[in-house]
Amino acid sequence: MVVLSSYSNRPLHRTFAPLCRAEFVRVEALPDVRLNSTAWFHALDDDDSGAQQPAQVIDALCATLPVDPEKLEAVKLWSEWDSEGTGRITREAFEHSRGILQFVLYSLPSLKREARSGAVPDLEQSRESWFRYWDEDNQRELEFLPCLRALARTLRIDGDCADMVLLRKVLIGLFQDFGLCEASGFLKQSSCQDILVRMDILAGST
């Protein structure tokens, strides 16, 4: 969970999220929603509004539970959980006995993400499917080495040492563009377009 800094107490070394470029001062672990749902919701509520957009709730639930975000998003109860049509989910609606949390916990077997199987989806034709295929823990992000292996498998260059060296160099450049490092950076699902651009560069270099 990223906590944004205020203008008055910015650190000397400013740090920005790689995608939205929001400034933050520290990273906090997201509480287990099954053990303390109130603390979990407050961790998301960085503006103390008492409500969150459905997409934020879905992303955070999928970071805590083995839930398929597409299956959860497709549930036809969101209008009931947002009965006033505000486009936001309150903590009360989230924790209600017939709210989102209880529904997700009860429906977890049917909401779980299916095990990875079958052929690797085409990166250019189906970017999101490709990313989900390699995103084994459903976090919507890939570390450097898993991303490198995924691209090597996709491009079928596992056994070519020279091409692997070039692929690694191209991927390092992509990580650096987002202000990430190999040891601790994560590429988000929304980075697929940037991956495609780098693959075009790679193809032109081989």
Protein backbone atom coordinates (compact mmCIF):
# COMPACT_ATOMS: atom_id res chain seq x y z
CA MET A 1 0.00 0.00 0.00
CA VAL A 2 1.53 3.34 -1.03
CA VAL A 3 1.03 6.28 1.34
CA LEU A 4 1.29 9.68 -0.31
CA SER A 5 3.36 12.43 1.28
CA SER A 6 2.04 15.89 2.05
CA TYR A 7 3.66 19.00 0.59
CA SER A 8 4.86 20.24 3.97
CA ASN A 9 6.95 17.23 4.92
CA ARG A 10 8.47 16.03 1.68
CA PRO A 11 11.69 14.07 2.18
CA LEU A 12 14.92 15.31 0.69
CA HIS A 13 14.97 12.29 -1.62
CA ARG A 14 11.63 12.32 -3.43
CA THR A 15 10.19 9.00 -4.60
CA PHE A 16 7.45 8.56 -7.19
CA ALA A 17 5.22 5.65 -8.11
CA PRO A 18 6.35 4.26 -11.49
CA LEU A 19 2.97 4.51 -13.27
CA CYS A 20 0.83 7.27 -11.77
CA ARG A 21 3.93 9.32 -10.72
CA ALA A 22 2.32 10.14 -7.37
CA GLU A 23 4.87 11.06 -4.69
CA PHE A 24 5.09 8.77 -1.65
CA VAL A 25 7.22 8.58 1.49
CA ARG A 26 6.87 4.95 2.54
CA VAL A 27 5.36 1.61 1.58
CA GLU A 28 3.14 -0.26 4.05
CA ALA A 29 1.98 -3.87 4.02
CA LEU A 30 -1.72 -4.30 3.32
CA PRO A 31 -3.42 -5.96 6.34
CA ASP A 32 -5.09 -9.34 5.91
CA VAL A 33 -8.70 -8.47 5.13
CA ARG A 34 -9.90 -11.70 6.77
CA LEU A 35 -8.32 -10.79 10.11
CA ASN A 36 -8.95 -7.05 10.29
CA SER A 37 -11.23 -5.69 7.59
CA THR A 38 -11.41 -2.24 9.20
CA ALA A 39 -7.63 -1.80 9.18
CA TRP A 40 -7.57 -3.14 5.61
CA PHE A 41 -10.10 -0.54 4.44
CA HIS A 42 -8.37 2.29 6.31
CA ALA A 43 -5.09 1.35 4.62
CA LEU A 44 -6.76 2.10 1.27
CA ASP A 45 -8.47 5.25 2.49
CA ASP A 46 -5.49 7.62 2.23
CA ASP A 47 -7.74 10.69 1.87
CA ASP A 48 -9.96 9.75 4.86
CA SER A 49 -13.07 9.93 2.69
CA GLY A 50 -14.51 6.70 4.07
CA ALA A 51 -15.16 5.34 0.58
CA GLN A 52 -13.23 3.81 -2.31
CA GLN A 53 -13.82 3.32 -6.01
CA PRO A 54 -14.79 -0.25 -6.97
CA ALA A 55 -11.58 -0.68 -9.01
CA GLN A 56 -9.48 0.13 -5.94
CA VAL A 57 -11.42 -2.37 -3.84
CA ILE A 58 -11.01 -5.06 -6.50
CA ASP A 59 -7.25 -4.47 -6.87
CA ALA A 60 -6.70 -4.55 -3.11
CA LEU A 61 -8.82 -7.66 -2.60
CA CYS A 62 -6.90 -9.44 -5.34
CA ALA A 63 -3.66 -8.47 -3.61
CA THR A 64 -4.89 -10.09 -0.38
CA LEU A 65 -6.93 -13.03 -1.62
CA PRO A 66 -6.52 -15.47 -4.54
CA VAL A 67 -9.33 -13.81 -6.50
CA ASP A 68 -9.61 -13.34 -10.26
CA PRO A 69 -10.18 -9.57 -10.78
CA GLU A 70 -12.22 -10.11 -13.93
CA LYS A 71 -14.57 -12.53 -12.19
CA LEU A 72 -15.04 -10.14 -9.27
CA GLU A 73 -15.60 -7.17 -11.56
CA ALA A 74 -18.27 -9.16 -13.45
CA VAL A 75 -20.35 -9.82 -10.32
CA LYS A 76 -23.81 -8.26 -10.74
CA LEU A 77 -24.11 -6.95 -7.18
CA TRP A 78 -22.04 -3.78 -7.41
CA SER A 79 -25.15 -1.60 -7.77
CA GLU A 80 -26.49 -3.06 -4.51
CA TRP A 81 -23.22 -2.42 -2.71
CA ASP A 82 -23.29 1.15 -4.06
CA SER A 83 -27.00 1.69 -3.41
CA GLU A 84 -26.79 5.49 -3.72
CA GLY A 85 -25.04 5.36 -7.09
CA THR A 86 -22.05 7.42 -5.99
CA GLY A 87 -19.53 5.23 -7.80
CA ARG A 88 -17.79 4.55 -4.50
CA ILE A 89 -17.93 1.80 -1.87
CA THR A 90 -18.16 2.80 1.78
CA ARG A 91 -16.59 0.83 4.60
CA GLU A 92 -20.06 0.05 5.94
CA ALA A 93 -21.09 -1.43 2.59
CA PHE A 94 -17.85 -3.35 2.42
CA GLU A 95 -18.20 -4.88 5.90
CA HIS A 96 -21.99 -5.37 5.89
CA SER A 97 -23.26 -8.90 6.49
CA ARG A 98 -24.44 -8.89 2.86
CA GLY A 99 -21.59 -6.72 1.61
CA ILE A 100 -18.60 -7.26 -0.63
CA LEU A 101 -16.28 -8.91 1.88
CA GLN A 102 -18.73 -11.59 3.00
CA PHE A 103 -19.71 -12.26 -0.61
CA VAL A 104 -16.08 -12.68 -1.68
CA LEU A 105 -15.20 -14.95 1.25
CA TYR A 106 -18.29 -17.10 0.68
CA SER A 107 -17.79 -17.22 -3.10
CA LEU A 108 -14.01 -17.65 -3.02
CA PRO A 109 -14.01 -21.11 -4.68
CA SER A 110 -15.85 -19.75 -7.73
CA LEU A 111 -13.90 -16.47 -7.81
CA LYS A 112 -10.46 -18.05 -7.72
CA ARG A 113 -8.20 -17.54 -10.67
CA GLU A 114 -7.86 -20.61 -12.84
CA ALA A 115 -4.49 -22.32 -12.99
CA ARG A 116 -2.24 -21.31 -15.86
CA SER A 117 -2.51 -23.74 -18.75
CA GLY A 118 -2.47 -23.96 -22.53
CA ALA A 119 -0.45 -22.03 -25.05
CA VAL A 120 1.12 -18.68 -24.24
CA PRO A 121 -1.23 -15.89 -25.46
CA ASP A 122 0.06 -13.65 -28.21
CA LEU A 123 1.60 -10.52 -26.67
CA GLU A 124 0.68 -8.27 -29.59
CA GLN A 125 -2.86 -9.57 -30.14
CA SER A 126 -3.88 -10.04 -26.50
CA ARG A 127 -1.68 -8.01 -24.16
CA GLU A 128 -3.79 -8.44 -21.02
CA SER A 129 -4.16 -12.20 -21.53
CA TRP A 130 -0.41 -12.48 -22.02
CA PHE A 131 0.29 -10.59 -18.80
CA ARG A 132 -2.27 -12.58 -16.80
CA TYR A 133 -0.77 -15.83 -18.11
CA TRP A 134 2.59 -15.01 -16.52
CA ASP A 135 1.17 -13.25 -13.43
CA GLU A 136 1.00 -16.44 -11.35
CA ASP A 137 0.19 -14.78 -8.01
CA ASN A 138 -2.45 -12.45 -9.50
CA GLN A 139 -0.70 -9.26 -8.37
CA ARG A 140 -0.94 -7.51 -11.77
CA GLU A 141 2.80 -7.02 -11.78
CA LEU A 142 5.94 -8.89 -12.83
CA GLU A 143 9.39 -8.77 -11.29
CA PHE A 144 12.39 -8.44 -13.55
CA LEU A 145 13.46 -12.10 -13.79
CA PRO A 146 9.93 -13.54 -14.29
CA CYS A 147 9.33 -10.89 -16.94
CA LEU A 148 12.63 -11.76 -18.63
CA ARG A 149 11.73 -15.45 -18.67
CA ALA A 150 8.25 -14.70 -19.99
CA LEU A 151 9.60 -12.62 -22.86
CA ALA A 152 12.26 -15.21 -23.65
CA ARG A 153 9.60 -17.93 -23.85
CA THR A 154 7.37 -15.68 -25.95
CA LEU A 155 10.15 -14.82 -28.38
CA ARG A 156 11.54 -18.38 -28.31
CA ILE A 157 15.10 -17.28 -27.66
CA ASP A 158 15.79 -19.31 -24.50
CA GLY A 159 18.76 -21.12 -26.00
CA ASP A 160 20.40 -18.21 -27.84
CA CYS A 161 22.89 -16.59 -25.47
CA ALA A 162 23.47 -13.49 -27.64
CA ASP A 163 19.75 -12.76 -27.99
CA MET A 164 19.21 -13.29 -24.25
CA VAL A 165 21.89 -10.72 -23.50
CA LEU A 166 20.17 -8.26 -25.85
CA LEU A 167 16.74 -9.02 -24.40
CA ARG A 168 18.03 -8.41 -20.88
CA LYS A 169 19.55 -5.09 -21.96
CA VAL A 170 16.27 -3.98 -23.57
CA LEU A 171 14.25 -4.95 -20.49
CA ILE A 172 16.67 -3.16 -18.17
CA GLY A 173 16.09 -0.03 -20.27
CA LEU A 174 12.33 -0.41 -19.86
CA PHE A 175 12.64 -0.77 -16.09
CA GLN A 176 14.89 2.28 -15.91
CA ASP A 177 12.36 4.32 -17.90
CA PHE A 178 9.88 3.67 -15.07
CA GLY A 179 12.43 4.48 -12.38
CA LEU A 180 12.69 0.82 -11.39
CA CYS A 181 15.65 -1.39 -10.62
CA GLU A 182 16.16 -5.07 -11.37
CA ALA A 183 16.30 -6.07 -7.70
CA SER A 184 13.08 -4.50 -6.44
CA GLY A 185 11.06 -3.18 -9.39
CA PHE A 186 7.77 -4.48 -10.72
CA LEU A 187 6.23 -3.92 -14.14
CA LYS A 188 2.48 -3.36 -14.03
CA GLN A 189 -0.07 -4.89 -16.38
CA SER A 190 -0.62 -1.47 -17.96
CA SER A 191 3.02 -1.55 -19.16
CA CYS A 192 2.27 -4.05 -21.95
CA GLN A 193 2.28 -1.35 -24.62
CA ASP A 194 5.75 -0.26 -23.53
CA ILE A 195 6.90 -3.89 -23.65
CA LEU A 196 5.65 -4.11 -27.23
CA VAL A 197 7.60 -0.99 -28.21
CA ARG A 198 10.77 -2.51 -26.75
CA MET A 199 10.12 -5.77 -28.60
CA ASP A 200 9.95 -3.80 -31.85
CA ILE A 201 13.36 -2.34 -30.99
CA LEU A 202 14.67 -5.80 -30.25
CA ALA A 203 13.32 -7.19 -33.51
CA GLY A 204 15.00 -4.41 -35.43
CA SER A 205 18.31 -5.16 -33.75
CA THR A 206 18.42 -8.88 -34.57
